[in-house]
Amino acid sequence: MPMPESQVTILIVLAVLNCPVYWLAWRVIFGSWDAFWEAVRYAFQPDLISLFTGQWGEDWYNEMKLGLFFAICVGMVAGQYYLITVVFGDGGTAAAAAAATGSG
């Protein structure tokens, strides 16, 4: 069952409005473009190569930073979406009922 259009709109608006939060998280975790691109490079480098070249610790640390950054970004939007739709809203049940009955 596809998501109603209003829920997709909420997700898009939240993703855009959180851009300052993404930037702050990026600055705290990476600090510079060089550190960010190094983390991206390690994310695409196979762990076995890192192990044999003696860079396994750096590989793990940089992949962890990149994963943490993405988790923060997705978690912020998911948490806010949950608060808006479930805690403060009706959870989308009214929109789903209207769509099901055709009285929307």
C-alpha atoms as a PDB file:
ATOM      1  CA  MET A   1       0.000   0.000   0.000  1.00  0.00           C
ATOM      2  CA  PRO A   2       1.628   3.277  -1.068  1.00  0.00           C
ATOM      3  CA  MET A   3       1.975   6.180   1.338  1.00  0.00           C
ATOM      4  CA  PRO A   4      -0.627   8.934   1.071  1.00  0.00           C
ATOM      5  CA  GLU A   5       0.593  12.080  -0.652  1.00  0.00           C
ATOM      6  CA  SER A   6       0.326  14.130   2.552  1.00  0.00           C
ATOM      7  CA  GLN A   7       2.758  11.826   4.367  1.00  0.00           C
ATOM      8  CA  VAL A   8       5.276  12.027   1.533  1.00  0.00           C
ATOM      9  CA  THR A   9       4.977  15.818   1.652  1.00  0.00           C
ATOM     10  CA  ILE A  10       5.650  15.805   5.398  1.00  0.00           C
ATOM     11  CA  LEU A  11       8.784  13.688   4.877  1.00  0.00           C
ATOM     12  CA  ILE A  12      10.087  15.974   2.124  1.00  0.00           C
ATOM     13  CA  VAL A  13       9.455  19.127   4.168  1.00  0.00           C
ATOM     14  CA  LEU A  14      11.174  17.596   7.209  1.00  0.00           C
ATOM     15  CA  ALA A  15      14.174  16.522   5.129  1.00  0.00           C
ATOM     16  CA  VAL A  16      14.595  20.043   3.755  1.00  0.00           C
ATOM     17  CA  LEU A  17      14.011  21.840   7.064  1.00  0.00           C
ATOM     18  CA  ASN A  18      16.636  19.667   8.765  1.00  0.00           C
ATOM     19  CA  CYS A  19      19.454  20.863   6.478  1.00  0.00           C
ATOM     20  CA  PRO A  20      20.995  23.035   9.246  1.00  0.00           C
ATOM     21  CA  VAL A  21      20.988  19.995  11.541  1.00  0.00           C
ATOM     22  CA  TYR A  22      22.698  17.909   8.845  1.00  0.00           C
ATOM     23  CA  TRP A  23      25.339  20.621   8.436  1.00  0.00           C
ATOM     24  CA  LEU A  24      25.942  20.806  12.200  1.00  0.00           C
ATOM     25  CA  ALA A  25      26.245  17.020  12.448  1.00  0.00           C
ATOM     26  CA  TRP A  26      28.632  17.031   9.479  1.00  0.00           C
ATOM     27  CA  ARG A  27      30.805  19.737  11.070  1.00  0.00           C
ATOM     28  CA  VAL A  28      30.952  17.898  14.406  1.00  0.00           C
ATOM     29  CA  ILE A  29      31.657  14.463  12.941  1.00  0.00           C
ATOM     30  CA  PHE A  30      33.958  15.307  10.031  1.00  0.00           C
ATOM     31  CA  GLY A  31      35.082  18.917  10.402  1.00  0.00           C
ATOM     32  CA  SER A  32      36.512  19.193   6.886  1.00  0.00           C
ATOM     33  CA  TRP A  33      35.896  17.988   3.368  1.00  0.00           C
ATOM     34  CA  ASP A  34      39.133  16.014   3.465  1.00  0.00           C
ATOM     35  CA  ALA A  35      37.925  13.997   6.457  1.00  0.00           C
ATOM     36  CA  PHE A  36      34.544  13.427   4.798  1.00  0.00           C
ATOM     37  CA  TRP A  37      36.045  12.185   1.527  1.00  0.00           C
ATOM     38  CA  GLU A  38      38.467   9.979   3.438  1.00  0.00           C
ATOM     39  CA  ALA A  39      35.484   8.361   5.173  1.00  0.00           C
ATOM     40  CA  VAL A  40      33.747   7.878   1.820  1.00  0.00           C
ATOM     41  CA  ARG A  41      36.930   6.338   0.373  1.00  0.00           C
ATOM     42  CA  TYR A  42      37.173   3.865   3.255  1.00  0.00           C
ATOM     43  CA  ALA A  43      33.471   3.027   2.897  1.00  0.00           C
ATOM     44  CA  PHE A  44      34.089   1.859  -0.672  1.00  0.00           C
ATOM     45  CA  GLN A  45      37.418   0.167   0.027  1.00  0.00           C
ATOM     46  CA  PRO A  46      36.970  -3.535   0.871  1.00  0.00           C
ATOM     47  CA  ASP A  47      37.775  -4.355   4.492  1.00  0.00           C
ATOM     48  CA  LEU A  48      40.095  -7.154   3.441  1.00  0.00           C
ATOM     49  CA  ILE A  49      42.327  -4.676   1.594  1.00  0.00           C
ATOM     50  CA  SER A  50      42.368  -2.428   4.656  1.00  0.00           C
ATOM     51  CA  LEU A  51      43.324  -5.396   6.803  1.00  0.00           C
ATOM     52  CA  PHE A  52      46.233  -6.420   4.588  1.00  0.00           C
ATOM     53  CA  THR A  53      47.519  -2.839   4.217  1.00  0.00           C
ATOM     54  CA  GLY A  54      47.424  -2.216   7.965  1.00  0.00           C
ATOM     55  CA  GLN A  55      44.619   0.349   7.748  1.00  0.00           C
ATOM     56  CA  TRP A  56      41.870  -1.702   9.368  1.00  0.00           C
ATOM     57  CA  GLY A  57      41.549   0.586  12.404  1.00  0.00           C
ATOM     58  CA  GLU A  58      41.325   3.726  10.257  1.00  0.00           C
ATOM     59  CA  ASP A  59      38.852   1.973   7.959  1.00  0.00           C
ATOM     60  CA  TRP A  60      36.618   0.985  10.865  1.00  0.00           C
ATOM     61  CA  TYR A  61      36.750   4.459  12.438  1.00  0.00           C
ATOM     62  CA  ASN A  62      35.938   6.292   9.207  1.00  0.00           C
ATOM     63  CA  GLU A  63      33.131   3.906   8.263  1.00  0.00           C
ATOM     64  CA  MET A  64      31.715   4.339  11.762  1.00  0.00           C
ATOM     65  CA  LYS A  65      31.771   8.134  11.378  1.00  0.00           C
ATOM     66  CA  LEU A  66      29.981   7.935   8.026  1.00  0.00           C
ATOM     67  CA  GLY A  67      27.387   5.517   9.398  1.00  0.00           C
ATOM     68  CA  LEU A  68      26.812   7.705  12.445  1.00  0.00           C
ATOM     69  CA  PHE A  69      26.294  10.739  10.219  1.00  0.00           C
ATOM     70  CA  PHE A  70      23.686   8.963   8.094  1.00  0.00           C
ATOM     71  CA  ALA A  71      21.997   7.513  11.183  1.00  0.00           C
ATOM     72  CA  ILE A  72      21.691  10.989  12.705  1.00  0.00           C
ATOM     73  CA  CYS A  73      20.245  12.427   9.494  1.00  0.00           C
ATOM     74  CA  VAL A  74      17.715   9.627   8.981  1.00  0.00           C
ATOM     75  CA  GLY A  75      16.941   9.398  12.690  1.00  0.00           C
ATOM     76  CA  MET A  76      16.117  13.091  12.951  1.00  0.00           C
ATOM     77  CA  VAL A  77      13.601  12.924  10.113  1.00  0.00           C
ATOM     78  CA  ALA A  78      12.133   9.610  11.313  1.00  0.00           C
ATOM     79  CA  GLY A  79      11.759  10.870  14.886  1.00  0.00           C
ATOM     80  CA  GLN A  80      10.138  14.116  13.834  1.00  0.00           C
ATOM     81  CA  TYR A  81       7.841  12.292  11.421  1.00  0.00           C
ATOM     82  CA  TYR A  82       6.797   9.953  14.225  1.00  0.00           C
ATOM     83  CA  LEU A  83       6.060  12.884  16.537  1.00  0.00           C
ATOM     84  CA  ILE A  84       4.035  14.715  13.898  1.00  0.00           C
ATOM     85  CA  THR A  85       1.993  11.764  12.667  1.00  0.00           C
ATOM     86  CA  VAL A  86       1.579   9.542  15.720  1.00  0.00           C
ATOM     87  CA  VAL A  87       1.994  11.665  18.844  1.00  0.00           C
ATOM     88  CA  PHE A  88       0.531  14.980  17.675  1.00  0.00           C
ATOM     89  CA  GLY A  89      -1.582  13.767  14.775  1.00  0.00           C
ATOM     90  CA  ASP A  90      -4.002  10.968  14.133  1.00  0.00           C
ATOM     91  CA  GLY A  91      -1.333   8.692  12.681  1.00  0.00           C
ATOM     92  CA  GLY A  92      -2.740   9.088   9.203  1.00  0.00           C
ATOM     93  CA  THR A  93      -5.794   7.017  10.046  1.00  0.00           C
ATOM     94  CA  ALA A  94      -8.237   9.730   9.002  1.00  0.00           C
ATOM     95  CA  ALA A  95      -6.532  10.153   5.636  1.00  0.00           C
ATOM     96  CA  ALA A  96      -6.391   6.384   5.115  1.00  0.00           C
ATOM     97  CA  ALA A  97     -10.074   6.013   6.020  1.00  0.00           C
ATOM     98  CA  ALA A  98     -11.049   8.835   3.667  1.00  0.00           C
ATOM     99  CA  ALA A  99      -9.041   7.297   0.860  1.00  0.00           C
ATOM    100  CA  ALA A 100     -10.544   3.861   1.493  1.00  0.00           C
ATOM    101  CA  THR A 101     -14.107   5.136   1.469  1.00  0.00           C
ATOM    102  CA  GLY A 102     -13.524   7.547  -1.413  1.00  0.00           C
ATOM    103  CA  SER A 103     -14.705  10.529   0.620  1.00  0.00           C
ATOM    104  CA  GLY A 104     -11.519  12.501   0.507  1.00  0.00           C
END
